[in-house]
C-alpha cells in the first residue's frame, strides 16, 4: 500500500490540484538541498514532501486570483 494514502492527504488540502502543487514545490526545495522535516525511508523528494504534508509539517495558504484584463 502507498503511504501516505491519497485519502489521508486529501484531508489536509482542499483539492488534488493543491496537493500536486505542494508536493512539486516542496520536492524542488528538497532537491535544492533544504533539510527534510520528517524521517523517511524514501529518497524521492516528492514522496518525502507528501510525508511531510501528512505529518502536518507543511502548510499552505490559498491566494486570491487576480482578474486578467
N, C-alpha and C. Protein backbone atom coordinates (compact mmCIF):
# COMPACT_ATOMS: atom_id res chain seq x y z
N UNK A 1 0.84 -1.19 0.00
CA UNK A 1 0.00 0.00 0.00
C UNK A 1 0.88 1.24 0.00
N UNK A 2 0.46 2.26 -0.72
CA UNK A 2 1.18 3.51 -0.80
C UNK A 2 0.90 4.33 0.47
N UNK A 3 1.97 4.82 1.08
CA UNK A 3 1.80 5.63 2.27
C UNK A 3 2.51 6.95 2.07
N UNK A 4 1.96 8.04 2.43
CA UNK A 4 0.61 8.21 2.93
C UNK A 4 -0.42 8.03 1.82
N UNK A 5 -1.60 7.61 2.20
CA UNK A 5 -2.64 7.36 1.21
C UNK A 5 -3.25 8.68 0.71
N UNK A 6 -3.82 8.61 -0.45
CA UNK A 6 -4.47 9.78 -1.04
C UNK A 6 -5.59 10.28 -0.13
N UNK A 7 -6.33 9.36 0.49
CA UNK A 7 -7.42 9.77 1.38
C UNK A 7 -6.90 10.58 2.57
N UNK A 8 -5.77 10.14 3.14
CA UNK A 8 -5.18 10.88 4.26
C UNK A 8 -4.74 12.27 3.81
N UNK A 9 -4.11 12.34 2.65
CA UNK A 9 -3.60 13.62 2.17
C UNK A 9 -4.72 14.58 1.80
N UNK A 10 -5.81 14.07 1.26
CA UNK A 10 -6.93 14.93 0.86
C UNK A 10 -7.60 15.59 2.06
N UNK A 11 -7.40 15.05 3.26
CA UNK A 11 -7.94 15.68 4.46
C UNK A 11 -7.15 16.94 4.83
N UNK A 12 -5.93 17.05 4.30
CA UNK A 12 -5.05 18.17 4.62
C UNK A 12 -5.16 19.33 3.64
N UNK A 13 -5.67 19.06 2.44
CA UNK A 13 -5.75 20.08 1.39
C UNK A 13 -7.16 20.18 0.85
N UNK A 14 -7.39 21.20 0.02
CA UNK A 14 -8.74 21.41 -0.49
C UNK A 14 -9.01 20.79 -1.85
N UNK A 15 -7.94 20.37 -2.57
CA UNK A 15 -8.14 19.75 -3.88
C UNK A 15 -6.90 18.95 -4.29
N UNK A 16 -7.08 18.09 -5.26
CA UNK A 16 -5.95 17.32 -5.77
C UNK A 16 -4.93 18.22 -6.45
N UNK A 17 -5.41 19.28 -7.07
CA UNK A 17 -4.52 20.24 -7.70
C UNK A 17 -3.58 20.86 -6.67
N UNK A 18 -4.12 21.27 -5.54
CA UNK A 18 -3.32 21.83 -4.47
C UNK A 18 -2.29 20.83 -3.98
N UNK A 19 -2.70 19.59 -3.85
CA UNK A 19 -1.80 18.52 -3.41
C UNK A 19 -0.62 18.38 -4.36
N UNK A 20 -0.87 18.40 -5.65
CA UNK A 20 0.19 18.29 -6.65
C UNK A 20 1.15 19.47 -6.57
N UNK A 21 0.60 20.68 -6.46
CA UNK A 21 1.43 21.89 -6.39
C UNK A 21 2.30 21.88 -5.15
N UNK A 22 1.74 21.54 -3.99
CA UNK A 22 2.51 21.49 -2.75
C UNK A 22 3.62 20.46 -2.86
N UNK A 23 3.29 19.28 -3.35
CA UNK A 23 4.28 18.21 -3.48
C UNK A 23 5.41 18.58 -4.42
N UNK A 24 5.08 19.20 -5.54
CA UNK A 24 6.09 19.57 -6.53
C UNK A 24 6.99 20.68 -6.00
N UNK A 25 6.41 21.69 -5.40
CA UNK A 25 7.21 22.82 -4.91
C UNK A 25 8.15 22.38 -3.78
N UNK A 26 7.62 21.62 -2.85
CA UNK A 26 8.46 21.15 -1.74
C UNK A 26 9.51 20.16 -2.24
N UNK A 27 9.15 19.33 -3.21
CA UNK A 27 10.10 18.39 -3.79
C UNK A 27 11.28 19.11 -4.42
N UNK A 28 11.02 20.21 -5.11
CA UNK A 28 12.10 21.02 -5.68
C UNK A 28 12.98 21.62 -4.59
N UNK A 29 12.35 22.06 -3.49
CA UNK A 29 13.14 22.58 -2.37
C UNK A 29 14.07 21.50 -1.81
N UNK A 30 13.57 20.30 -1.67
CA UNK A 30 14.37 19.20 -1.14
C UNK A 30 15.52 18.86 -2.09
N UNK A 31 15.25 18.87 -3.39
CA UNK A 31 16.30 18.62 -4.36
C UNK A 31 17.37 19.70 -4.32
N UNK A 32 16.98 20.90 -3.98
CA UNK A 32 17.92 22.02 -3.91
C UNK A 32 18.76 21.99 -2.64
N UNK A 33 18.47 21.05 -1.74
CA UNK A 33 19.30 20.89 -0.55
C UNK A 33 18.68 21.31 0.75
N UNK A 34 17.43 21.74 0.74
CA UNK A 34 16.79 22.11 2.00
C UNK A 34 16.58 20.86 2.85
N UNK A 35 16.66 20.99 4.17
CA UNK A 35 16.58 19.80 5.04
C UNK A 35 15.18 19.21 5.10
N UNK A 36 15.14 17.89 5.29
CA UNK A 36 13.86 17.19 5.47
C UNK A 36 13.30 17.50 6.85
N UNK A 37 11.98 17.52 6.95
CA UNK A 37 11.31 17.79 8.22
C UNK A 37 10.78 16.51 8.86
N UNK A 38 10.91 15.39 8.18
CA UNK A 38 10.48 14.10 8.72
C UNK A 38 11.54 13.05 8.40
N UNK A 39 11.56 11.98 9.19
CA UNK A 39 12.41 10.84 8.86
C UNK A 39 11.67 10.01 7.82
N UNK A 40 12.36 9.69 6.74
CA UNK A 40 11.74 8.97 5.64
C UNK A 40 12.65 7.87 5.15
N UNK A 41 12.06 6.76 4.76
CA UNK A 41 12.82 5.67 4.15
C UNK A 41 13.05 5.92 2.67
N UNK A 42 12.29 6.85 2.11
CA UNK A 42 12.36 7.13 0.68
C UNK A 42 13.45 8.15 0.37
N UNK A 43 14.00 8.04 -0.82
CA UNK A 43 14.96 9.03 -1.31
C UNK A 43 14.32 9.97 -2.32
N UNK A 44 13.06 9.74 -2.65
CA UNK A 44 12.37 10.54 -3.66
C UNK A 44 11.82 11.81 -3.03
N UNK A 45 12.18 12.96 -3.58
CA UNK A 45 11.77 14.23 -2.97
C UNK A 45 10.26 14.44 -2.87
N UNK A 46 9.52 14.05 -3.87
CA UNK A 46 8.07 14.26 -3.82
C UNK A 46 7.43 13.37 -2.76
N UNK A 47 7.91 12.15 -2.63
CA UNK A 47 7.40 11.25 -1.59
C UNK A 47 7.68 11.82 -0.21
N UNK A 48 8.87 12.34 -0.01
CA UNK A 48 9.22 12.97 1.26
C UNK A 48 8.32 14.17 1.51
N UNK A 49 8.08 14.97 0.48
CA UNK A 49 7.21 16.14 0.61
C UNK A 49 5.80 15.73 1.05
N UNK A 50 5.28 14.66 0.46
CA UNK A 50 3.93 14.20 0.83
C UNK A 50 3.91 13.64 2.24
N UNK A 51 5.00 13.00 2.66
CA UNK A 51 5.09 12.53 4.05
C UNK A 51 5.13 13.71 5.01
N UNK A 52 5.82 14.78 4.63
CA UNK A 52 5.83 15.99 5.46
C UNK A 52 4.44 16.60 5.56
N UNK A 53 3.72 16.63 4.47
CA UNK A 53 2.35 17.15 4.48
C UNK A 53 1.47 16.30 5.39
N UNK A 54 1.61 14.99 5.30
CA UNK A 54 0.82 14.09 6.14
C UNK A 54 1.14 14.28 7.61
N UNK A 55 2.39 14.62 7.92
CA UNK A 55 2.80 14.83 9.31
C UNK A 55 2.50 16.26 9.79
N UNK A 56 1.79 17.02 8.99
CA UNK A 56 1.41 18.41 9.30
C UNK A 56 2.63 19.31 9.48
N UNK A 57 3.67 19.05 8.71
CA UNK A 57 4.87 19.89 8.73
C UNK A 57 4.82 20.95 7.64
N UNK A 58 3.93 20.80 6.67
CA UNK A 58 3.78 21.76 5.58
C UNK A 58 2.41 22.43 5.69
N UNK A 59 2.38 23.71 5.35
CA UNK A 59 1.14 24.45 5.37
C UNK A 59 1.02 25.26 4.09
N UNK A 60 -0.18 25.56 3.70
CA UNK A 60 -0.39 26.37 2.51
C UNK A 60 -1.50 27.36 2.77
N UNK A 61 -1.45 28.43 2.03
CA UNK A 61 -2.48 29.45 2.13
C UNK A 61 -2.99 29.73 0.73
N UNK A 62 -4.27 29.63 0.54
CA UNK A 62 -4.87 29.86 -0.78
C UNK A 62 -4.81 31.34 -1.07
N UNK A 63 -4.19 31.67 -2.20
CA UNK A 63 -4.06 33.06 -2.59
C UNK A 63 -5.29 33.51 -3.39
N UNK A 64 -5.45 34.79 -3.48
CA UNK A 64 -6.54 35.34 -4.28
C UNK A 64 -6.09 35.40 -5.73
N UNK A 65 -6.95 35.02 -6.60
CA UNK A 65 -6.60 35.11 -8.01
C UNK A 65 -6.86 36.54 -8.49
N UNK A 66 -6.04 36.97 -9.42
CA UNK A 66 -6.21 38.31 -9.95
C UNK A 66 -6.90 38.22 -11.30
N UNK A 67 -7.83 39.10 -11.58
CA UNK A 67 -8.51 39.04 -12.87
C UNK A 67 -7.57 39.44 -14.00
N UNK A 68 -7.75 38.79 -15.12
CA UNK A 68 -6.96 39.13 -16.30
C UNK A 68 -7.67 40.22 -17.07
N UNK A 69 -6.94 41.20 -17.51
CA UNK A 69 -7.62 42.29 -18.17
C UNK A 69 -6.89 42.79 -19.30
